[in-house]
N, C-alpha and C. Protein backbone atom coordinates (compact mmCIF):
# COMPACT_ATOMS: atom_id res chain seq x y z
N MET A 1 0.87 -0.73 -0.08
CA MET A 1 0.02 -0.09 0.00
C MET A 1 0.69 1.20 -0.11
N ILE A 2 1.96 1.24 0.90
CA ILE A 2 2.67 2.48 0.79
C ILE A 2 3.62 2.54 -0.35
N ASP A 3 3.67 1.70 -0.74
CA ASP A 3 4.56 1.55 -2.83
C ASP A 3 3.91 1.92 -3.55
N LYS A 4 2.61 1.44 -2.76
CA LYS A 4 1.92 2.08 -4.44
C LYS A 4 1.49 3.85 -3.80
N ILE A 5 1.48 4.34 -2.66
CA ILE A 5 0.98 6.01 -2.97
C ILE A 5 2.50 6.47 -2.66
N CYS A 6 3.70 6.00 -2.88
CA CYS A 6 4.69 6.62 -2.80
C CYS A 6 4.84 6.88 -4.59
N MET A 7 4.62 5.57 -5.20
CA MET A 7 4.90 5.56 -6.69
C MET A 7 3.80 6.86 -7.25
N PHE A 8 2.33 6.92 -6.68
CA PHE A 8 1.72 7.54 -7.17
C PHE A 8 2.21 8.74 -7.49
N LEU A 9 2.62 9.48 -5.96
CA LEU A 9 3.11 10.51 -6.00
C LEU A 9 4.34 10.84 -6.75
N THR A 10 5.43 9.72 -6.80
CA THR A 10 6.30 10.55 -7.84
C THR A 10 6.10 10.39 -8.70
N ASN A 11 5.10 9.64 -9.38
CA ASN A 11 4.48 9.89 -11.00
C ASN A 11 4.10 11.32 -11.18
N ARG A 12 3.03 11.88 -10.15
CA ARG A 12 2.44 12.55 -10.28
C ARG A 12 3.72 14.44 -10.07
N ILE A 13 4.76 13.80 -9.57
CA ILE A 13 5.98 14.69 -9.33
C ILE A 13 6.72 14.79 -10.66
N ARG A 14 6.41 13.67 -11.47
CA ARG A 14 7.28 13.51 -12.70
C ARG A 14 6.61 14.65 -13.58
N LYS A 15 5.19 14.05 -13.45
CA LYS A 15 4.38 15.13 -14.50
C LYS A 15 4.60 16.63 -14.80
N GLU A 16 4.67 17.45 -13.18
CA GLU A 16 4.44 17.93 -13.20
C GLU A 16 6.19 19.09 -13.11
N MET A 17 7.42 18.04 -13.13
CA MET A 17 8.27 18.10 -13.57
C MET A 17 9.41 17.66 -14.34
N PRO A 18 9.08 17.62 -15.73
CA PRO A 18 9.22 16.78 -16.79
C PRO A 18 10.49 16.64 -16.74
N GLU A 19 11.56 17.41 -15.91
CA GLU A 19 13.36 17.40 -16.07
C GLU A 19 13.92 15.85 -15.35
N ILE A 20 12.62 15.99 -14.18
CA ILE A 20 13.23 14.63 -13.50
C ILE A 20 13.57 13.27 -14.22
N ASP A 21 14.69 12.60 -14.36
CA ASP A 21 15.05 11.42 -15.08
C ASP A 21 14.50 10.31 -13.95
N ASP A 22 14.70 9.23 -14.79
CA ASP A 22 14.70 7.80 -13.86
C ASP A 22 15.24 7.68 -12.97
N GLU A 23 16.64 8.01 -12.53
CA GLU A 23 17.50 7.88 -11.28
C GLU A 23 17.07 8.55 -10.13
N LYS A 24 16.92 10.17 -11.02
CA LYS A 24 16.16 11.29 -9.86
C LYS A 24 14.83 10.62 -9.13
N ALA A 25 13.98 10.26 -9.93
CA ALA A 25 12.79 9.69 -9.66
C ALA A 25 12.63 8.52 -8.56
N GLU A 26 13.79 7.80 -8.91
CA GLU A 26 13.87 6.70 -7.95
C GLU A 26 14.52 7.36 -6.56
N VAL A 27 15.11 7.98 -6.35
CA VAL A 27 15.46 8.90 -5.28
C VAL A 27 14.27 9.52 -4.43
N ILE A 28 13.62 10.57 -5.07
CA ILE A 28 12.44 10.59 -4.84
C ILE A 28 11.51 9.67 -3.93
N ASN A 29 11.15 8.50 -5.05
CA ASN A 29 10.54 7.40 -4.59
C ASN A 29 11.08 7.17 -3.07
N TYR A 30 12.33 6.81 -3.13
CA TYR A 30 12.69 6.12 -1.85
C TYR A 30 12.67 7.40 -0.65
N GLY A 31 12.80 8.52 -1.05
CA GLY A 31 12.75 9.63 0.31
C GLY A 31 11.03 9.34 0.20
N LEU A 32 9.99 9.41 -0.47
CA LEU A 32 8.79 9.56 -0.06
C LEU A 32 8.51 8.15 0.70
N GLN A 33 8.75 7.09 0.25
CA GLN A 33 8.77 5.99 0.95
C GLN A 33 9.29 6.21 2.35
N ASN A 34 10.55 6.72 2.53
CA ASN A 34 10.29 6.79 4.27
C ASN A 34 9.89 7.86 4.91
N ILE A 35 9.38 8.89 4.22
CA ILE A 35 8.55 10.05 5.01
C ILE A 35 6.89 9.09 5.15
N VAL A 36 6.64 8.67 4.23
CA VAL A 36 5.29 8.12 4.40
C VAL A 36 5.40 6.91 5.33
N GLY A 37 6.16 5.98 5.12
CA GLY A 37 6.34 4.98 6.17
C GLY A 37 6.56 5.09 7.22
N GLU A 38 6.94 6.41 7.91
CA GLU A 38 7.32 6.48 9.33
C GLU A 38 5.68 7.30 9.78
N ILE A 39 4.74 7.34 9.00
CA ILE A 39 3.33 7.42 10.14
C ILE A 39 2.58 6.43 10.37
N PRO A 40 2.50 5.32 9.52
CA PRO A 40 1.84 4.37 10.52
C PRO A 40 2.48 3.75 11.58
N LYS A 41 4.11 4.18 11.62
CA LYS A 41 5.07 3.62 12.82
C LYS A 41 4.83 4.58 13.70
N ILE A 42 4.80 5.96 13.77
CA ILE A 42 4.53 6.60 14.74
C ILE A 42 3.15 6.44 15.32
N PHE A 43 2.06 6.22 14.48
CA PHE A 43 0.81 6.20 15.06
C PHE A 43 0.70 4.89 15.96
N LEU A 44 0.97 3.86 15.41
CA LEU A 44 1.02 2.63 16.50
C LEU A 44 1.61 2.73 17.16
N VAL A 45 3.12 3.34 17.54
CA VAL A 45 3.84 3.01 18.26
C VAL A 45 3.00 4.19 19.61
N VAL A 46 2.25 5.50 19.21
CA VAL A 46 1.99 6.15 19.86
C VAL A 46 0.58 5.50 20.72
N ILE A 47 -0.24 4.89 20.13
CA ILE A 47 -1.24 4.34 20.25
C ILE A 47 -0.94 2.71 21.32
N ILE A 48 -0.08 1.96 21.32
CA ILE A 48 0.38 1.16 21.84
C ILE A 48 0.86 1.71 23.27
N SER A 49 1.89 2.48 23.06
CA SER A 49 2.80 3.05 24.45
C SER A 49 1.77 3.65 25.13
N TYR A 50 0.72 4.22 24.72
CA TYR A 50 -0.31 4.91 25.49
C TYR A 50 -1.29 3.96 26.18
N LEU A 51 -1.88 2.92 25.50
CA LEU A 51 -2.27 1.77 25.98
C LEU A 51 -1.68 0.66 27.45
N LEU A 52 -0.52 0.92 27.20
CA LEU A 52 0.58 0.23 28.09
C LEU A 52 0.97 1.47 29.21
N GLY A 53 0.26 2.31 28.98
CA GLY A 53 0.83 3.57 29.94
C GLY A 53 2.08 3.84 30.14
N ILE A 54 2.78 3.78 29.08
CA ILE A 54 4.31 3.96 29.20
C ILE A 54 4.75 5.30 28.07
N TRP A 55 3.75 5.88 27.49
CA TRP A 55 4.16 6.63 26.60
C TRP A 55 5.08 8.17 26.93
N LYS A 56 5.22 8.35 28.10
CA LYS A 56 5.95 9.12 28.08
C LYS A 56 7.65 8.71 28.39
N GLU A 57 7.68 7.52 29.02
CA GLU A 57 8.95 6.45 28.83
C GLU A 57 9.12 6.46 27.61
N THR A 58 7.97 6.24 26.64
CA THR A 58 8.28 5.50 25.08
C THR A 58 9.04 7.23 24.08
N VAL A 59 8.58 8.18 24.56
CA VAL A 59 9.27 9.17 24.20
C VAL A 59 10.33 9.57 24.71
N LEU A 60 10.51 9.41 26.01
CA LEU A 60 12.05 9.45 26.17
C LEU A 60 13.00 8.29 25.96
N THR A 61 12.51 7.41 25.20
CA THR A 61 13.31 6.34 24.77
C THR A 61 13.86 6.94 23.42
N CYS A 62 12.70 7.25 22.98
CA CYS A 62 13.00 7.92 21.42
C CYS A 62 14.14 9.19 21.67
N LEU A 63 14.36 10.21 22.65
CA LEU A 63 15.27 11.06 22.80
C LEU A 63 16.64 10.75 23.13
N LEU A 64 16.18 9.77 23.83
CA LEU A 64 17.97 9.11 24.23
C LEU A 64 18.37 8.78 23.45
N LEU A 65 17.52 7.70 22.91
CA LEU A 65 18.31 6.84 21.44
C LEU A 65 18.97 7.09 20.50
N ILE A 66 17.82 8.31 20.13
CA ILE A 66 17.93 8.89 18.41
C ILE A 66 19.75 9.44 17.94
N PRO A 67 20.02 10.31 19.43
CA PRO A 67 21.61 10.46 18.79
C PRO A 67 22.50 9.91 18.57
N TYR A 68 22.52 8.14 19.21
CA TYR A 68 23.50 7.36 19.30
C TYR A 68 22.83 6.55 17.87
N LYS A 69 21.67 6.29 17.78
CA LYS A 69 20.92 5.57 16.80
C LYS A 69 21.70 6.16 15.13
N ASN A 70 21.37 7.24 14.97
CA ASN A 70 21.42 7.74 14.04
C ASN A 70 22.98 8.11 13.54
N ALA A 71 23.77 8.13 14.48
CA ALA A 71 25.47 7.91 14.22
C ALA A 71 25.82 6.63 13.81
N SER A 72 25.22 5.69 14.40
CA SER A 72 25.83 4.27 14.18
C SER A 72 25.41 3.51 13.24
N GLY A 73 24.27 3.79 12.53
CA GLY A 73 23.40 3.18 12.01
C GLY A 73 22.53 1.88 12.24
N GLY A 74 22.57 1.27 11.41
CA GLY A 74 21.79 -0.14 11.42
C GLY A 74 20.90 -0.78 10.12
N PHE A 75 20.61 -1.98 10.32
CA PHE A 75 19.93 -2.57 9.49
C PHE A 75 18.55 -1.93 9.25
N HIS A 76 18.11 -2.47 8.03
CA HIS A 76 16.62 -2.22 7.32
C HIS A 76 16.01 -3.11 7.07
N LEU A 77 14.32 -3.27 7.79
CA LEU A 77 14.17 -3.88 7.31
C LEU A 77 13.12 -4.17 5.65
N LYS A 78 13.20 -5.41 5.24
CA LYS A 78 13.00 -5.04 3.68
C LYS A 78 11.55 -4.55 3.84
N THR A 79 10.48 -5.29 4.45
CA THR A 79 9.08 -4.94 4.28
C THR A 79 8.44 -3.88 5.06
N HIS A 80 7.41 -3.35 4.85
CA HIS A 80 7.01 -2.06 5.82
C HIS A 80 6.51 -2.73 7.28
N ILE A 81 5.84 -3.63 6.95
CA ILE A 81 5.26 -4.53 7.89
C ILE A 81 6.05 -4.84 8.93
N GLY A 82 7.46 -5.38 8.34
CA GLY A 82 8.62 -5.66 9.50
C GLY A 82 9.25 -4.57 10.14
N CYS A 83 9.18 -3.74 9.18
CA CYS A 83 9.70 -2.22 9.88
C CYS A 83 8.92 -1.98 11.00
N ILE A 84 7.73 -1.97 10.38
CA ILE A 84 6.44 -1.17 11.68
C ILE A 84 6.33 -2.11 13.14
N ILE A 85 6.67 -3.47 13.11
CA ILE A 85 6.23 -4.34 14.03
C ILE A 85 7.95 -4.25 14.64
N ALA A 86 8.87 -3.96 14.05
CA ALA A 86 10.26 -3.93 14.66
C ALA A 86 10.23 -2.91 15.58
N THR A 87 10.03 -1.46 14.82
CA THR A 87 9.97 -0.61 15.22
C THR A 87 8.95 -0.30 16.66
N THR A 88 7.94 -0.82 16.52
CA THR A 88 7.33 -0.73 17.82
C THR A 88 7.33 -1.38 18.66
N THR A 89 7.98 -2.40 18.37
CA THR A 89 8.60 -3.55 19.87
C THR A 89 10.04 -2.86 20.03
N PHE A 90 10.79 -2.06 19.58
CA PHE A 90 11.78 -1.65 19.92
C PHE A 90 11.43 -0.31 20.60
N TYR A 91 10.58 0.37 20.23
CA TYR A 91 10.59 1.86 21.30
C TYR A 91 9.21 1.93 22.62
N CYS A 92 8.86 0.47 22.41
CA CYS A 92 7.45 0.36 23.34
C CYS A 92 8.09 -1.17 24.34
N GLY A 93 8.98 -1.81 23.60
CA GLY A 93 9.87 -3.02 24.63
C GLY A 93 10.98 -2.62 25.44
N ILE A 94 11.17 -1.42 25.02
CA ILE A 94 12.70 -1.12 26.03
C ILE A 94 12.06 -0.46 27.20
N PRO A 95 11.05 0.66 26.93
CA PRO A 95 10.58 1.21 28.24
C PRO A 95 9.42 0.26 29.09
N ALA A 96 8.82 -0.42 28.51
CA ALA A 96 8.50 -1.78 29.11
C ALA A 96 8.66 -2.38 30.64
N LEU A 97 10.38 -3.04 29.90
CA LEU A 97 11.29 -3.81 30.48
C LEU A 97 11.81 -2.62 31.44
N ALA A 98 12.23 -1.69 31.45
CA ALA A 98 13.02 -0.80 32.08
C ALA A 98 12.14 -0.60 33.09
N LYS A 99 11.09 -0.36 33.30
CA LYS A 99 9.89 -0.34 34.13
C LYS A 99 9.79 -1.15 35.32
N ILE A 100 10.59 -2.72 34.69
CA ILE A 100 10.15 -3.77 35.83
C ILE A 100 11.53 -4.38 35.94
N ILE A 101 12.41 -3.79 35.49
CA ILE A 101 13.98 -4.62 35.97
C ILE A 101 14.30 -3.43 37.01
N LEU A 102 15.01 -4.08 37.84
CA LEU A 102 15.44 -3.15 39.18
C LEU A 102 17.21 -4.04 39.40
N LEU A 103 18.04 -3.06 39.15
CA LEU A 103 19.93 -3.67 39.46
C LEU A 103 19.81 -3.33 40.87
N PRO A 104 20.78 -3.92 41.52
CA PRO A 104 21.55 -3.17 42.53
C PRO A 104 22.67 -2.48 41.93
N VAL A 105 22.95 -1.46 42.78
CA VAL A 105 23.69 -0.37 42.28
C VAL A 105 25.24 -0.80 42.01
N ALA A 106 25.65 -1.60 42.39
CA ALA A 106 26.88 -2.48 42.06
C ALA A 106 26.80 -3.10 40.85
N TRP A 107 25.35 -3.75 40.77
CA TRP A 107 25.57 -4.56 39.02
C TRP A 107 25.28 -3.22 38.11
N LYS A 108 24.56 -2.49 38.22
CA LYS A 108 24.72 -1.38 36.90
C LYS A 108 25.57 -1.05 37.05
N TYR A 109 26.70 -0.43 37.46
CA TYR A 109 27.89 0.08 37.28
C TYR A 109 28.74 -1.04 36.39
N ILE A 110 28.67 -1.99 36.87
CA ILE A 110 29.55 -3.34 36.40
C ILE A 110 28.80 -3.52 34.88
N ILE A 111 27.38 -3.50 34.69
CA ILE A 111 27.08 -3.76 33.30
C ILE A 111 27.30 -2.36 32.69
N ILE A 112 27.44 -1.16 32.90
CA ILE A 112 27.58 -0.20 32.34
C ILE A 112 29.29 -0.12 31.77
N VAL A 113 30.25 -0.67 32.70
CA VAL A 113 31.12 -0.67 31.96
C VAL A 113 31.62 -1.31 31.34
N ALA A 114 31.14 -2.86 31.01
CA ALA A 114 31.13 -4.08 30.51
C ALA A 114 30.28 -3.68 28.81
N LEU A 115 29.29 -3.12 29.01
CA LEU A 115 28.48 -2.53 27.81
C LEU A 115 29.73 -1.67 27.42
N TRP A 116 30.16 -0.66 28.17
CA TRP A 116 30.82 0.29 27.04
C TRP A 116 31.68 -0.24 26.26
N LEU A 117 32.55 -0.84 26.59
CA LEU A 117 33.61 -1.87 26.38
C LEU A 117 33.25 -2.80 25.01
N PHE A 118 32.22 -2.98 25.22
CA PHE A 118 31.22 -4.26 24.19
C PHE A 118 31.38 -3.18 23.12
N GLY A 119 29.99 -1.92 23.00
CA GLY A 119 29.79 -0.82 22.24
C GLY A 119 31.03 -0.07 21.21
N MET A 120 31.67 -0.14 22.15
CA MET A 120 33.21 0.94 21.66
C MET A 120 33.97 0.12 20.59
N TYR A 121 33.89 -1.80 20.84
CA TYR A 121 34.22 -2.43 19.93
C TYR A 121 33.49 -2.72 18.74
N MET A 122 32.34 -2.65 18.81
CA MET A 122 31.27 -2.92 18.36
C MET A 122 31.51 -1.76 17.08
N ILE A 123 31.90 -0.03 17.51
CA ILE A 123 31.65 0.90 16.81
C ILE A 123 32.76 0.91 16.10
N LYS A 124 33.79 0.24 16.51
CA LYS A 124 35.06 0.39 15.76
C LYS A 124 35.22 -0.81 14.63
N LEU A 125 34.49 -1.88 14.98
CA LEU A 125 34.23 -2.62 13.72
C LEU A 125 33.06 -2.21 12.71
N TYR A 126 31.91 -1.50 13.01
CA TYR A 126 30.66 -1.68 11.95
C TYR A 126 30.41 -0.66 12.02
N ALA A 127 30.50 0.55 13.01
CA ALA A 127 29.91 2.19 12.42
C ALA A 127 30.85 3.24 11.92
N PRO A 128 29.89 3.31 10.84
CA PRO A 128 28.59 3.75 10.76
C PRO A 128 28.38 2.41 9.80
N ALA A 129 27.27 1.93 10.17
CA ALA A 129 26.72 0.76 9.26
C ALA A 129 25.68 0.95 8.68
N ASP A 130 25.84 1.80 7.44
CA ASP A 130 25.15 1.90 6.64
C ASP A 130 24.31 0.66 5.41
N THR A 131 23.80 1.33 4.92
CA THR A 131 22.96 0.05 3.63
C THR A 131 22.87 0.05 2.44
N GLU A 132 22.67 -0.57 1.85
CA GLU A 132 22.85 -0.36 0.14
C GLU A 132 22.31 0.90 -0.56
N ASN A 133 20.79 1.05 0.22
CA ASN A 133 20.14 2.40 -0.52
C ASN A 133 20.69 3.46 0.25
N VAL A 134 21.18 3.75 1.31
CA VAL A 134 21.57 4.64 1.78
C VAL A 134 23.04 4.51 2.36
N PRO A 135 24.12 4.46 1.24
CA PRO A 135 25.55 4.02 1.37
C PRO A 135 26.27 5.46 2.24
N ILE A 136 27.02 5.28 2.94
CA ILE A 136 28.28 6.51 3.03
C ILE A 136 29.69 5.30 2.59
N LEU A 137 30.19 6.32 1.66
CA LEU A 137 31.43 5.34 0.92
C LEU A 137 32.58 6.43 1.42
N ARG A 138 32.40 7.72 1.57
CA ARG A 138 33.17 8.71 1.74
C ARG A 138 34.33 8.36 3.17
N LYS A 139 35.56 8.52 3.14
CA LYS A 139 36.18 7.98 4.18
C LYS A 139 35.68 9.08 5.04
N LYS A 140 36.17 10.64 4.95
CA LYS A 140 35.63 11.62 5.53
C LYS A 140 34.45 11.47 6.60
N ASP A 141 33.23 10.95 5.89
CA ASP A 141 31.82 11.03 6.44
C ASP A 141 31.94 10.19 7.23
N ARG A 142 32.39 8.68 6.96
CA ARG A 142 32.49 7.25 7.94
C ARG A 142 32.88 7.81 9.23
N ARG A 143 34.44 8.66 8.77
CA ARG A 143 35.07 8.87 10.16
C ARG A 143 34.21 9.83 10.95
N LYS A 144 33.43 10.61 10.56
CA LYS A 144 32.83 12.10 11.21
C LYS A 144 32.09 11.26 12.20
N GLN A 145 31.10 10.18 11.02
CA GLN A 145 29.87 9.44 11.97
C GLN A 145 30.61 8.03 12.98
N GLN A 146 31.34 7.76 13.06
CA GLN A 146 31.98 6.67 13.92
C GLN A 146 32.56 7.46 14.92
N ILE A 147 33.01 8.87 14.62
CA ILE A 147 33.23 9.66 16.09
C ILE A 147 32.14 10.00 17.03
N ILE A 148 31.36 10.76 15.96
CA ILE A 148 29.84 10.95 16.39
C ILE A 148 29.17 9.85 17.58
N SER A 149 29.16 8.49 16.95
CA SER A 149 29.12 7.12 17.60
C SER A 149 30.05 6.92 19.01
N TYR A 150 30.82 7.39 18.80
CA TYR A 150 32.07 6.93 20.29
C TYR A 150 31.28 7.95 21.30
N VAL A 151 31.13 9.30 20.83
CA VAL A 151 30.90 10.20 21.88
C VAL A 151 29.21 10.20 22.23
N THR A 152 28.40 10.18 21.42
CA THR A 152 27.17 9.87 21.96
C THR A 152 26.89 8.59 22.95
N PHE A 153 27.68 7.33 22.32
CA PHE A 153 27.43 6.34 23.28
C PHE A 153 28.22 6.33 24.39
N SER A 154 29.30 7.22 24.69
CA SER A 154 29.67 7.45 25.89
C SER A 154 29.35 8.36 26.91
N ILE A 155 28.34 9.46 25.96
CA ILE A 155 27.59 10.34 26.93
C ILE A 155 26.78 9.55 27.34
N GLY A 156 26.00 8.60 26.59
CA GLY A 156 25.12 8.12 26.89
C GLY A 156 24.98 7.34 27.96
N LEU A 157 25.96 6.46 28.40
CA LEU A 157 26.21 5.45 29.57
C LEU A 157 26.80 6.21 30.40
N VAL A 158 27.68 7.28 30.25
CA VAL A 158 27.79 8.19 31.66
C VAL A 158 26.79 8.62 32.33
N MET A 159 26.02 9.05 31.51
CA MET A 159 24.49 9.58 31.55
C MET A 159 23.53 8.67 32.55
N ALA A 160 23.62 7.23 32.19
CA ALA A 160 23.01 6.03 32.90
C ALA A 160 23.83 5.68 34.06
N GLY A 161 25.18 6.07 34.71
CA GLY A 161 25.66 5.83 35.53
C GLY A 161 25.57 6.99 36.60
N ILE A 162 25.14 8.17 36.21
CA ILE A 162 24.89 9.46 37.26
C ILE A 162 23.87 9.43 37.34
N ILE A 163 22.54 9.37 36.56
CA ILE A 163 21.13 9.65 36.91
C ILE A 163 20.60 8.70 37.53
N GLN A 164 19.92 9.03 38.68
CA GLN A 164 19.26 8.08 39.66
C GLN A 164 18.06 7.50 39.34
N ASP A 165 17.31 7.98 38.49
CA ASP A 165 16.03 7.43 38.24
C ASP A 165 16.20 6.07 37.80
N ASN A 166 15.66 4.77 38.25
CA ASN A 166 16.06 3.64 37.56
C ASN A 166 15.53 3.20 36.11
N ILE A 167 14.54 3.82 35.67
CA ILE A 167 13.78 3.41 34.56
C ILE A 167 14.74 4.45 33.33
N VAL A 168 15.29 5.32 33.84
CA VAL A 168 16.06 6.16 33.02
C VAL A 168 17.37 5.19 32.71
N SER A 169 17.58 5.02 33.51
CA SER A 169 19.15 4.30 33.42
C SER A 169 18.72 3.09 32.51
N ASN A 170 17.80 2.21 32.99
CA ASN A 170 17.53 1.45 32.46
C ASN A 170 17.30 1.26 30.79
N ILE A 171 16.48 2.36 30.13
CA ILE A 171 16.28 2.52 28.77
C ILE A 171 17.69 2.97 28.34
N ILE A 172 18.15 3.83 28.83
CA ILE A 172 19.68 3.59 28.09
C ILE A 172 20.17 2.62 28.12
N ILE A 173 20.77 1.92 29.00
CA ILE A 173 21.41 0.63 28.99
C ILE A 173 21.03 -0.12 28.23
N LEU A 174 19.45 -0.85 28.16
CA LEU A 174 18.88 -1.52 27.48
C LEU A 174 18.61 -1.38 25.58
N GLY A 175 18.44 0.28 25.45
CA GLY A 175 18.73 0.54 24.49
C GLY A 175 20.09 0.86 23.76
N TYR A 176 21.13 1.24 24.40
CA TYR A 176 22.19 1.37 23.54
C TYR A 176 22.87 -0.13 23.44
N PHE A 177 22.62 -0.94 24.93
CA PHE A 177 22.76 -2.44 24.00
C PHE A 177 22.27 -3.00 22.87
N LEU A 178 20.95 -2.87 22.60
CA LEU A 178 20.35 -3.58 21.07
C LEU A 178 20.68 -2.55 20.19
N GLN A 179 21.08 -1.21 20.40
CA GLN A 179 21.33 -0.36 18.93
C GLN A 179 22.85 -0.84 18.71
N SER A 180 23.48 -1.17 19.60
CA SER A 180 24.73 -1.52 19.51
C SER A 180 25.09 -3.50 18.93
N LEU A 181 23.88 -4.40 18.82
CA LEU A 181 23.54 -5.38 18.60
C LEU A 181 23.16 -4.89 16.85
N MET A 182 22.59 -3.92 16.81
CA MET A 182 21.81 -3.59 15.12
C MET A 182 22.86 -3.26 14.19
N ILE A 183 23.98 -3.35 14.25
CA ILE A 183 24.85 -2.89 13.75
C ILE A 183 26.21 -3.98 13.30
N THR A 184 25.93 -4.80 14.04
CA THR A 184 27.17 -5.70 13.66
C THR A 184 26.43 -7.11 12.37
N LYS A 185 27.44 -7.99 11.90
CA LYS A 185 27.72 -8.79 10.57
C LYS A 185 26.58 -9.55 10.77
N LEU A 186 26.57 -10.08 12.43
CA LEU A 186 25.52 -11.27 12.15
C LEU A 186 23.97 -10.56 12.25
N ALA A 187 24.25 -9.32 12.57
CA ALA A 187 22.35 -9.00 12.38
C ALA A 187 21.96 -8.62 10.90
N TYR A 188 22.78 -8.08 10.42
CA TYR A 188 22.45 -8.00 8.90
C TYR A 188 22.35 -9.12 8.00
N ARG A 189 22.98 -10.06 8.85
CA ARG A 189 22.59 -11.40 7.75
C ARG A 189 21.53 -11.94 8.20
N LEU A 190 21.11 -12.26 9.16
CA LEU A 190 20.06 -12.30 9.64
C LEU A 190 18.61 -11.89 9.05
N THR A 191 18.93 -10.44 8.85
CA THR A 191 17.85 -9.54 7.90
C THR A 191 18.12 -9.53 6.70
N ASN A 192 19.03 -10.36 6.52
CA ASN A 192 19.23 -9.90 4.65
C ASN A 192 19.49 -9.36 4.14
N ASN A 193 20.31 -8.12 5.24
CA ASN A 193 20.78 -6.80 4.35
C ASN A 193 22.42 -6.48 4.22
N LYS A 194 22.87 -5.75 3.38
CA LYS A 194 24.04 -5.31 2.85
C LYS A 194 24.45 -4.28 3.72
N TYR A 195 25.89 -3.92 3.83
CA TYR A 195 26.22 -2.69 4.21
C TYR A 195 26.66 -1.89 2.79
N GLY A 196 26.47 -0.57 2.65
CA GLY A 196 26.99 -0.17 1.80
C GLY A 196 28.17 -0.10 0.73
N TYR A 197 29.31 -0.50 1.68
CA TYR A 197 30.24 -0.68 1.05
C TYR A 197 30.54 -2.45 0.63
N GLU A 198 29.99 -3.14 0.98
CA GLU A 198 29.47 -4.14 0.38
C GLU A 198 29.11 -4.50 -1.07
N VAL A 199 28.41 -3.32 -1.38
CA VAL A 199 27.13 -3.00 -2.77
C VAL A 199 28.56 -2.34 -3.47
N TYR A 200 28.58 -1.15 -3.41
CA TYR A 200 29.62 -0.22 -4.01
C TYR A 200 30.78 -0.36 -3.83
N GLY A 201 31.46 -0.92 -2.95
CA GLY A 201 32.94 -0.88 -2.87
C GLY A 201 33.31 -0.42 -1.43
N ASP A 202 34.51 -1.07 -0.99
CA ASP A 202 35.41 -0.42 0.20
C ASP A 202 35.82 0.82 0.08
N THR A 203 35.40 1.98 0.17
CA THR A 203 36.33 3.44 0.16
C THR A 203 37.18 3.76 1.06
N SER A 204 37.29 2.63 2.24
CA SER A 204 38.07 3.20 3.33
C SER A 204 39.62 3.47 3.25
N THR A 205 40.00 3.25 2.13
CA THR A 205 41.05 3.73 1.97
C THR A 205 41.30 5.13 0.83
N GLN A 206 40.17 5.40 0.82
CA GLN A 206 39.87 6.81 0.10
C GLN A 206 40.19 7.58 0.88
N ASN A 207 40.49 9.11 0.48
CA ASN A 207 40.94 10.17 1.27
C ASN A 207 39.71 11.18 1.31
N VAL A 208 38.75 11.01 0.39
CA VAL A 208 37.80 11.85 -0.10
C VAL A 208 36.39 11.41 0.09
């Protein structure tokens, strides 16, 4: 359904702007799919989080995870239905679990340190985890995204250690752990995804 709507809008744009060639039309269509595809996801996340009584925590989860998630990347599911289900589970499941998990203070700091070591290694290996649809091939851009990943990940875990609110700390710990898994090669294989450099060539030795 979403594909048909986006194709209809793309064709309408091409009628109004005949100078748009097939390549540009494909880019427009992909952008429209991202925009239109977000609407049902947002709607479902809001409804489910409200019904579960965690809508405030869900909003907080989005705000806390987006900086690290945007910088480090991650796989994209192939279907809109799969993406909607995964997104809803991610942003509603994390705060739901965060409300019921109670970690002793000592264990919380041990987990944070272990997660920091794990996450930094994953970032070094895989971030930014691009996709074949949105590749990041320039060395300068990849390095910038990787540095932002290191910084946002570290700041988030420092916040998790300082903040006294158990739910907020749990949201950061769970969210950052799952996001670090989402950039790994195993996650890409399980979801039938490819990194951009696997499709277009590894440019890590280039300076531009």
